[in-house]
Amino acid sequence: MVRVQIEIHKADEQVRHNMNRFLIAAGCYVTALTGYAISIADKIKTGTDGQPYKMPNATAYIKKVQAKGSLRKKKKMAMC
């Protein structure tokens, strides 16, 4: 996560998006890292600044999952 915090603003668009999704996944599925992931997401502030697509806000996403009570829950069946 420290690497994400340091390198996200210097990386290419696709790499930035993947780093942001990693931060969301780690914050949502590893309860010990939820608070740490939120603090890093607050520091990096990813958004739509000139990007052709909307990158999800990691802080809002993790807090939404936390408020819903769905931390550490994964879907039981994959949709193909």
PDB file of N, CA and C in Angstrom:
ATOM      1  N   MET A   1       0.816  -1.193   0.000  1.00  0.00           N
ATOM      2  CA  MET A   1       0.000   0.000   0.000  1.00  0.00           C
ATOM      3  C   MET A   1       0.860   1.258   0.000  1.00  0.00           C
ATOM      4  N   VAL A   2       2.012   1.162   0.605  1.00  0.00           N
ATOM      5  CA  VAL A   2       2.918   2.311   0.591  1.00  0.00           C
ATOM      6  C   VAL A   2       3.366   2.593  -0.840  1.00  0.00           C
ATOM      7  N   ARG A   3       3.593   1.535  -1.600  1.00  0.00           N
ATOM      8  CA  ARG A   3       3.982   1.716  -3.002  1.00  0.00           C
ATOM      9  C   ARG A   3       2.876   2.414  -3.791  1.00  0.00           C
ATOM     10  N   VAL A   4       1.632   2.067  -3.534  1.00  0.00           N
ATOM     11  CA  VAL A   4       0.510   2.735  -4.197  1.00  0.00           C
ATOM     12  C   VAL A   4       0.514   4.215  -3.858  1.00  0.00           C
ATOM     13  N   GLN A   5       0.704   4.523  -2.594  1.00  0.00           N
ATOM     14  CA  GLN A   5       0.704   5.920  -2.154  1.00  0.00           C
ATOM     15  C   GLN A   5       1.813   6.725  -2.833  1.00  0.00           C
ATOM     16  N   ILE A   6       2.969   6.117  -3.009  1.00  0.00           N
ATOM     17  CA  ILE A   6       4.112   6.829  -3.580  1.00  0.00           C
ATOM     18  C   ILE A   6       4.013   6.939  -5.103  1.00  0.00           C
ATOM     19  N   GLU A   7       3.593   5.869  -5.772  1.00  0.00           N
ATOM     20  CA  GLU A   7       3.718   5.802  -7.222  1.00  0.00           C
ATOM     21  C   GLU A   7       2.443   6.050  -8.018  1.00  0.00           C
ATOM     22  N   ILE A   8       1.292   6.213  -7.387  1.00  0.00           N
ATOM     23  CA  ILE A   8       0.046   6.286  -8.153  1.00  0.00           C
ATOM     24  C   ILE A   8      -0.028   7.515  -9.055  1.00  0.00           C
ATOM     25  N   HIS A   9       0.507   8.627  -8.642  1.00  0.00           N
ATOM     26  CA  HIS A   9       0.410   9.843  -9.450  1.00  0.00           C
ATOM     27  C   HIS A   9       1.443   9.888 -10.572  1.00  0.00           C
ATOM     28  N   LYS A  10       2.443   9.019 -10.521  1.00  0.00           N
ATOM     29  CA  LYS A  10       3.469   8.974 -11.563  1.00  0.00           C
ATOM     30  C   LYS A  10       3.203   7.870 -12.580  1.00  0.00           C
ATOM     31  N   ALA A  11       2.250   7.006 -12.324  1.00  0.00           N
ATOM     32  CA  ALA A  11       2.010   5.836 -13.167  1.00  0.00           C
ATOM     33  C   ALA A  11       1.102   6.170 -14.353  1.00  0.00           C
ATOM     34  N   ASP A  12       1.074   5.254 -15.333  1.00  0.00           N
ATOM     35  CA  ASP A  12       0.175   5.378 -16.478  1.00  0.00           C
ATOM     36  C   ASP A  12      -1.273   5.210 -16.017  1.00  0.00           C
ATOM     37  N   GLU A  13      -2.209   5.556 -16.894  1.00  0.00           N
ATOM     38  CA  GLU A  13      -3.629   5.532 -16.539  1.00  0.00           C
ATOM     39  C   GLU A  13      -4.108   4.145 -16.119  1.00  0.00           C
ATOM     40  N   GLN A  14      -3.756   3.128 -16.892  1.00  0.00           N
ATOM     41  CA  GLN A  14      -4.219   1.785 -16.574  1.00  0.00           C
ATOM     42  C   GLN A  14      -3.610   1.285 -15.261  1.00  0.00           C
ATOM     43  N   VAL A  15      -2.373   1.615 -15.023  1.00  0.00           N
ATOM     44  CA  VAL A  15      -1.710   1.216 -13.782  1.00  0.00           C
ATOM     45  C   VAL A  15      -2.336   1.954 -12.603  1.00  0.00           C
ATOM     46  N   ARG A  16      -2.647   3.232 -12.781  1.00  0.00           N
ATOM     47  CA  ARG A  16      -3.306   4.005 -11.721  1.00  0.00           C
ATOM     48  C   ARG A  16      -4.644   3.385 -11.354  1.00  0.00           C
ATOM     49  N   HIS A  17      -5.397   2.993 -12.377  1.00  0.00           N
ATOM     50  CA  HIS A  17      -6.700   2.386 -12.140  1.00  0.00           C
ATOM     51  C   HIS A  17      -6.549   1.068 -11.374  1.00  0.00           C
ATOM     52  N   ASN A  18      -5.578   0.247 -11.761  1.00  0.00           N
ATOM     53  CA  ASN A  18      -5.355  -1.027 -11.073  1.00  0.00           C
ATOM     54  C   ASN A  18      -4.880  -0.825  -9.639  1.00  0.00           C
ATOM     55  N   MET A  19      -4.042   0.172  -9.407  1.00  0.00           N
ATOM     56  CA  MET A  19      -3.604   0.480  -8.040  1.00  0.00           C
ATOM     57  C   MET A  19      -4.790   0.905  -7.179  1.00  0.00           C
ATOM     58  N   ASN A  20      -5.674   1.705  -7.749  1.00  0.00           N
ATOM     59  CA  ASN A  20      -6.859   2.155  -7.022  1.00  0.00           C
ATOM     60  C   ASN A  20      -7.770   0.970  -6.697  1.00  0.00           C
ATOM     61  N   ARG A  21      -7.959   0.065  -7.655  1.00  0.00           N
ATOM     62  CA  ARG A  21      -8.791  -1.114  -7.418  1.00  0.00           C
ATOM     63  C   ARG A  21      -8.159  -2.041  -6.367  1.00  0.00           C
ATOM     64  N   PHE A  22      -6.832  -2.144  -6.356  1.00  0.00           N
ATOM     65  CA  PHE A  22      -6.148  -2.930  -5.325  1.00  0.00           C
ATOM     66  C   PHE A  22      -6.413  -2.340  -3.948  1.00  0.00           C
ATOM     67  N   LEU A  23      -6.349  -1.019  -3.851  1.00  0.00           N
ATOM     68  CA  LEU A  23      -6.588  -0.349  -2.577  1.00  0.00           C
ATOM     69  C   LEU A  23      -8.011  -0.616  -2.089  1.00  0.00           C
ATOM     70  N   ILE A  24      -8.964  -0.571  -3.007  1.00  0.00           N
ATOM     71  CA  ILE A  24     -10.357  -0.859  -2.657  1.00  0.00           C
ATOM     72  C   ILE A  24     -10.509  -2.315  -2.216  1.00  0.00           C
ATOM     73  N   ALA A  25      -9.925  -3.240  -2.957  1.00  0.00           N
ATOM     74  CA  ALA A  25     -10.043  -4.663  -2.620  1.00  0.00           C
ATOM     75  C   ALA A  25      -9.409  -4.975  -1.270  1.00  0.00           C
ATOM     76  N   ALA A  26      -8.234  -4.427  -1.024  1.00  0.00           N
ATOM     77  CA  ALA A  26      -7.558  -4.674   0.251  1.00  0.00           C
ATOM     78  C   ALA A  26      -8.355  -4.078   1.407  1.00  0.00           C
ATOM     79  N   GLY A  27      -8.921  -2.906   1.208  1.00  0.00           N
ATOM     80  CA  GLY A  27      -9.701  -2.263   2.263  1.00  0.00           C
ATOM     81  C   GLY A  27     -11.016  -2.956   2.543  1.00  0.00           C
ATOM     82  N   CYS A  28     -11.600  -3.582   1.523  1.00  0.00           N
ATOM     83  CA  CYS A  28     -12.902  -4.224   1.689  1.00  0.00           C
ATOM     84  C   CYS A  28     -12.814  -5.667   2.177  1.00  0.00           C
ATOM     85  N   TYR A  29     -11.763  -6.380   1.811  1.00  0.00           N
ATOM     86  CA  TYR A  29     -11.706  -7.802   2.111  1.00  0.00           C
ATOM     87  C   TYR A  29     -10.740  -8.185   3.216  1.00  0.00           C
ATOM     88  N   VAL A  30      -9.873  -7.276   3.649  1.00  0.00           N
ATOM     89  CA  VAL A  30      -8.961  -7.558   4.761  1.00  0.00           C
ATOM     90  C   VAL A  30      -9.287  -6.548   5.858  1.00  0.00           C
ATOM     91  N   THR A  31     -10.022  -6.989   6.872  1.00  0.00           N
ATOM     92  CA  THR A  31     -10.509  -6.055   7.888  1.00  0.00           C
ATOM     93  C   THR A  31      -9.390  -5.379   8.664  1.00  0.00           C
ATOM     94  N   ALA A  32      -8.253  -6.035   8.794  1.00  0.00           N
ATOM     95  CA  ALA A  32      -7.130  -5.416   9.503  1.00  0.00           C
ATOM     96  C   ALA A  32      -6.560  -4.230   8.725  1.00  0.00           C
ATOM     97  N   LEU A  33      -6.771  -4.199   7.420  1.00  0.00           N
ATOM     98  CA  LEU A  33      -6.231  -3.128   6.581  1.00  0.00           C
ATOM     99  C   LEU A  33      -7.260  -2.060   6.213  1.00  0.00           C
ATOM    100  N   THR A  34      -8.488  -2.178   6.684  1.00  0.00           N
ATOM    101  CA  THR A  34      -9.540  -1.247   6.281  1.00  0.00           C
ATOM    102  C   THR A  34      -9.208   0.188   6.660  1.00  0.00           C
ATOM    103  N   GLY A  35      -8.848   0.431   7.896  1.00  0.00           N
ATOM    104  CA  GLY A  35      -8.517   1.789   8.339  1.00  0.00           C
ATOM    105  C   GLY A  35      -7.299   2.344   7.634  1.00  0.00           C
ATOM    106  N   TYR A  36      -6.307   1.506   7.419  1.00  0.00           N
ATOM    107  CA  TYR A  36      -5.084   1.928   6.736  1.00  0.00           C
ATOM    108  C   TYR A  36      -5.371   2.266   5.272  1.00  0.00           C
ATOM    109  N   ALA A  37      -6.206   1.457   4.631  1.00  0.00           N
ATOM    110  CA  ALA A  37      -6.566   1.714   3.231  1.00  0.00           C
ATOM    111  C   ALA A  37      -7.348   3.016   3.096  1.00  0.00           C
ATOM    112  N   ILE A  38      -8.230   3.303   4.040  1.00  0.00           N
ATOM    113  CA  ILE A  38      -8.984   4.560   4.012  1.00  0.00           C
ATOM    114  C   ILE A  38      -8.052   5.743   4.194  1.00  0.00           C
ATOM    115  N   SER A  39      -7.084   5.634   5.105  1.00  0.00           N
ATOM    116  CA  SER A  39      -6.161   6.753   5.322  1.00  0.00           C
ATOM    117  C   SER A  39      -5.292   7.013   4.089  1.00  0.00           C
ATOM    118  N   ILE A  40      -4.850   5.967   3.412  1.00  0.00           N
ATOM    119  CA  ILE A  40      -4.062   6.154   2.194  1.00  0.00           C
ATOM    120  C   ILE A  40      -4.937   6.710   1.075  1.00  0.00           C
ATOM    121  N   ALA A  41      -6.158   6.227   0.960  1.00  0.00           N
ATOM    122  CA  ALA A  41      -7.065   6.732  -0.076  1.00  0.00           C
ATOM    123  C   ALA A  41      -7.368   8.214   0.137  1.00  0.00           C
ATOM    124  N   ASP A  42      -7.463   8.642   1.385  1.00  0.00           N
ATOM    125  CA  ASP A  42      -7.663  10.068   1.669  1.00  0.00           C
ATOM    126  C   ASP A  42      -6.465  10.894   1.226  1.00  0.00           C
ATOM    127  N   LYS A  43      -5.279  10.324   1.357  1.00  0.00           N
ATOM    128  CA  LYS A  43      -4.066  11.061   0.992  1.00  0.00           C
ATOM    129  C   LYS A  43      -3.871  11.170  -0.513  1.00  0.00           C
ATOM    130  N   ILE A  44      -4.227  10.129  -1.269  1.00  0.00           N
ATOM    131  CA  ILE A  44      -3.935  10.157  -2.704  1.00  0.00           C
ATOM    132  C   ILE A  44      -5.004  10.869  -3.517  1.00  0.00           C
ATOM    133  N   LYS A  45      -6.241  10.893  -3.057  1.00  0.00           N
ATOM    134  CA  LYS A  45      -7.332  11.629  -3.708  1.00  0.00           C
ATOM    135  C   LYS A  45      -7.429  11.362  -5.207  1.00  0.00           C
ATOM    136  N   THR A  46      -7.740  10.139  -5.594  1.00  0.00           N
ATOM    137  CA  THR A  46      -7.953   9.859  -7.012  1.00  0.00           C
ATOM    138  C   THR A  46      -9.317  10.385  -7.413  1.00  0.00           C
ATOM    139  N   GLY A  47      -9.416  10.824  -8.635  1.00  0.00           N
ATOM    140  CA  GLY A  47     -10.679  11.377  -9.115  1.00  0.00           C
ATOM    141  C   GLY A  47     -10.722  11.404 -10.622  1.00  0.00           C
ATOM    142  N   THR A  48     -11.481  12.333 -11.165  1.00  0.00           N
ATOM    143  CA  THR A  48     -11.689  12.386 -12.607  1.00  0.00           C
ATOM    144  C   THR A  48     -10.917  13.520 -13.252  1.00  0.00           C
ATOM    145  N   ASP A  49      -9.803  13.895 -12.721  1.00  0.00           N
ATOM    146  CA  ASP A  49      -9.047  15.029 -13.237  1.00  0.00           C
ATOM    147  C   ASP A  49      -8.462  14.744 -14.620  1.00  0.00           C
ATOM    148  N   GLY A  50      -9.253  15.009 -15.660  1.00  0.00           N
ATOM    149  CA  GLY A  50      -8.790  14.864 -17.033  1.00  0.00           C
ATOM    150  C   GLY A  50      -8.728  13.442 -17.548  1.00  0.00           C
ATOM    151  N   GLN A  51      -9.368  12.512 -16.890  1.00  0.00           N
ATOM    152  CA  GLN A  51      -9.329  11.124 -17.317  1.00  0.00           C
ATOM    153  C   GLN A  51     -10.523  10.828 -18.218  1.00  0.00           C
ATOM    154  N   PRO A  52     -10.367   9.954 -19.197  1.00  0.00           N
ATOM    155  CA  PRO A  52     -11.483   9.638 -20.091  1.00  0.00           C
ATOM    156  C   PRO A  52     -12.566   8.783 -19.430  1.00  0.00           C
ATOM    157  N   TYR A  53     -12.305   8.210 -18.282  1.00  0.00           N
ATOM    158  CA  TYR A  53     -13.277   7.411 -17.550  1.00  0.00           C
ATOM    159  C   TYR A  53     -13.253   7.842 -16.093  1.00  0.00           C
ATOM    160  N   LYS A  54     -14.292   7.505 -15.373  1.00  0.00           N
ATOM    161  CA  LYS A  54     -14.362   7.888 -13.968  1.00  0.00           C
ATOM    162  C   LYS A  54     -13.722   6.804 -13.109  1.00  0.00           C
ATOM    163  N   MET A  55     -12.663   7.164 -12.413  1.00  0.00           N
ATOM    164  CA  MET A  55     -12.002   6.240 -11.501  1.00  0.00           C
ATOM    165  C   MET A  55     -12.770   6.267 -10.177  1.00  0.00           C
ATOM    166  N   PRO A  56     -13.126   5.115  -9.629  1.00  0.00           N
ATOM    167  CA  PRO A  56     -13.888   5.114  -8.383  1.00  0.00           C
ATOM    168  C   PRO A  56     -13.102   5.719  -7.220  1.00  0.00           C
ATOM    169  N   ASN A  57     -13.794   6.469  -6.392  1.00  0.00           N
ATOM    170  CA  ASN A  57     -13.188   7.069  -5.211  1.00  0.00           C
ATOM    171  C   ASN A  57     -13.046   5.966  -4.162  1.00  0.00           C
ATOM    172  N   ALA A  58     -11.826   5.612  -3.835  1.00  0.00           N
ATOM    173  CA  ALA A  58     -11.565   4.480  -2.942  1.00  0.00           C
ATOM    174  C   ALA A  58     -12.115   4.720  -1.541  1.00  0.00           C
ATOM    175  N   THR A  59     -11.992   5.941  -1.033  1.00  0.00           N
ATOM    176  CA  THR A  59     -12.479   6.235   0.316  1.00  0.00           C
ATOM    177  C   THR A  59     -13.983   6.017   0.407  1.00  0.00           C
ATOM    178  N   ALA A  60     -14.725   6.581  -0.536  1.00  0.00           N
ATOM    179  CA  ALA A  60     -16.182   6.453  -0.524  1.00  0.00           C
ATOM    180  C   ALA A  60     -16.606   4.998  -0.706  1.00  0.00           C
ATOM    181  N   TYR A  61     -15.917   4.279  -1.559  1.00  0.00           N
ATOM    182  CA  TYR A  61     -16.260   2.889  -1.837  1.00  0.00           C
ATOM    183  C   TYR A  61     -16.065   2.015  -0.599  1.00  0.00           C
ATOM    184  N   ILE A  62     -14.925   2.168   0.068  1.00  0.00           N
ATOM    185  CA  ILE A  62     -14.643   1.355   1.257  1.00  0.00           C
ATOM    186  C   ILE A  62     -15.615   1.701   2.381  1.00  0.00           C
ATOM    187  N   LYS A  63     -15.891   2.986   2.577  1.00  0.00           N
ATOM    188  CA  LYS A  63     -16.826   3.393   3.633  1.00  0.00           C
ATOM    189  C   LYS A  63     -18.241   2.907   3.343  1.00  0.00           C
ATOM    190  N   LYS A  64     -18.629   2.866   2.069  1.00  0.00           N
ATOM    191  CA  LYS A  64     -19.948   2.364   1.691  1.00  0.00           C
ATOM    192  C   LYS A  64     -20.076   0.884   2.035  1.00  0.00           C
ATOM    193  N   VAL A  65     -19.047   0.110   1.719  1.00  0.00           N
ATOM    194  CA  VAL A  65     -19.053  -1.319   2.037  1.00  0.00           C
ATOM    195  C   VAL A  65     -19.046  -1.527   3.547  1.00  0.00           C
ATOM    196  N   GLN A  66     -18.297  -0.693   4.258  1.00  0.00           N
ATOM    197  CA  GLN A  66     -18.218  -0.786   5.715  1.00  0.00           C
ATOM    198  C   GLN A  66     -19.569  -0.462   6.349  1.00  0.00           C
ATOM    199  N   ALA A  67     -20.244   0.574   5.868  1.00  0.00           N
ATOM    200  CA  ALA A  67     -21.548   0.955   6.413  1.00  0.00           C
ATOM    201  C   ALA A  67     -22.610  -0.097   6.113  1.00  0.00           C
ATOM    202  N   LYS A  68     -22.475  -0.755   4.993  1.00  0.00           N
ATOM    203  CA  LYS A  68     -23.416  -1.795   4.588  1.00  0.00           C
ATOM    204  C   LYS A  68     -23.233  -3.068   5.411  1.00  0.00           C
ATOM    205  N   GLY A  69     -22.074  -3.204   6.050  1.00  0.00           N
ATOM    206  CA  GLY A  69     -21.790  -4.393   6.846  1.00  0.00           C
ATOM    207  C   GLY A  69     -21.298  -5.557   6.010  1.00  0.00           C
ATOM    208  N   SER A  70     -20.710  -5.253   4.868  1.00  0.00           N
ATOM    209  CA  SER A  70     -20.289  -6.307   3.944  1.00  0.00           C
ATOM    210  C   SER A  70     -18.787  -6.524   3.902  1.00  0.00           C
ATOM    211  N   LEU A  71     -18.048  -6.062   4.896  1.00  0.00           N
ATOM    212  CA  LEU A  71     -16.610  -6.304   4.900  1.00  0.00           C
ATOM    213  C   LEU A  71     -16.346  -7.800   4.987  1.00  0.00           C
ATOM    214  N   ARG A  72     -15.372  -8.269   4.232  1.00  0.00           N
ATOM    215  CA  ARG A  72     -14.941  -9.665   4.168  1.00  0.00           C
ATOM    216  C   ARG A  72     -15.956 -10.590   3.516  1.00  0.00           C
ATOM    217  N   LYS A  73     -17.006 -10.064   2.920  1.00  0.00           N
ATOM    218  CA  LYS A  73     -17.972 -10.919   2.241  1.00  0.00           C
ATOM    219  C   LYS A  73     -17.669 -10.921   0.754  1.00  0.00           C
ATOM    220  N   LYS A  74     -17.599 -12.090   0.195  1.00  0.00           N
ATOM    221  CA  LYS A  74     -17.406 -12.235  -1.241  1.00  0.00           C
ATOM    222  C   LYS A  74     -18.639 -12.921  -1.818  1.00  0.00           C
ATOM    223  N   LYS A  75     -18.843 -12.738  -3.087  1.00  0.00           N
ATOM    224  CA  LYS A  75     -19.971 -13.388  -3.738  1.00  0.00           C
ATOM    225  C   LYS A  75     -19.737 -14.891  -3.765  1.00  0.00           C
ATOM    226  N   LYS A  76     -20.802 -15.649  -3.572  1.00  0.00           N
ATOM    227  CA  LYS A  76     -20.669 -17.090  -3.516  1.00  0.00           C
ATOM    228  C   LYS A  76     -20.666 -17.733  -4.893  1.00  0.00           C
ATOM    229  N   MET A  77     -21.214 -17.021  -5.886  1.00  0.00           N
ATOM    230  CA  MET A  77     -21.283 -17.591  -7.213  1.00  0.00           C
ATOM    231  C   MET A  77     -20.798 -16.569  -8.234  1.00  0.00           C
ATOM    232  N   ALA A  78     -19.965 -17.004  -9.131  1.00  0.00           N
ATOM    233  CA  ALA A  78     -19.451 -16.108 -10.165  1.00  0.00           C
ATOM    234  C   ALA A  78     -20.452 -16.017 -11.308  1.00  0.00           C
ATOM    235  N   MET A  79     -20.593 -14.829 -11.843  1.00  0.00           N
ATOM    236  CA  MET A  79     -21.471 -14.614 -12.992  1.00  0.00           C
ATOM    237  C   MET A  79     -20.609 -14.608 -14.247  1.00  0.00           C
ATOM    238  N   CYS A  80     -20.963 -15.414 -15.216  1.00  0.00           N
ATOM    239  CA  CYS A  80     -20.188 -15.473 -16.463  1.00  0.00           C
ATOM    240  C   CYS A  80     -20.974 -14.904 -17.616  1.00  0.00           C
TER     241      CYS A  80
END
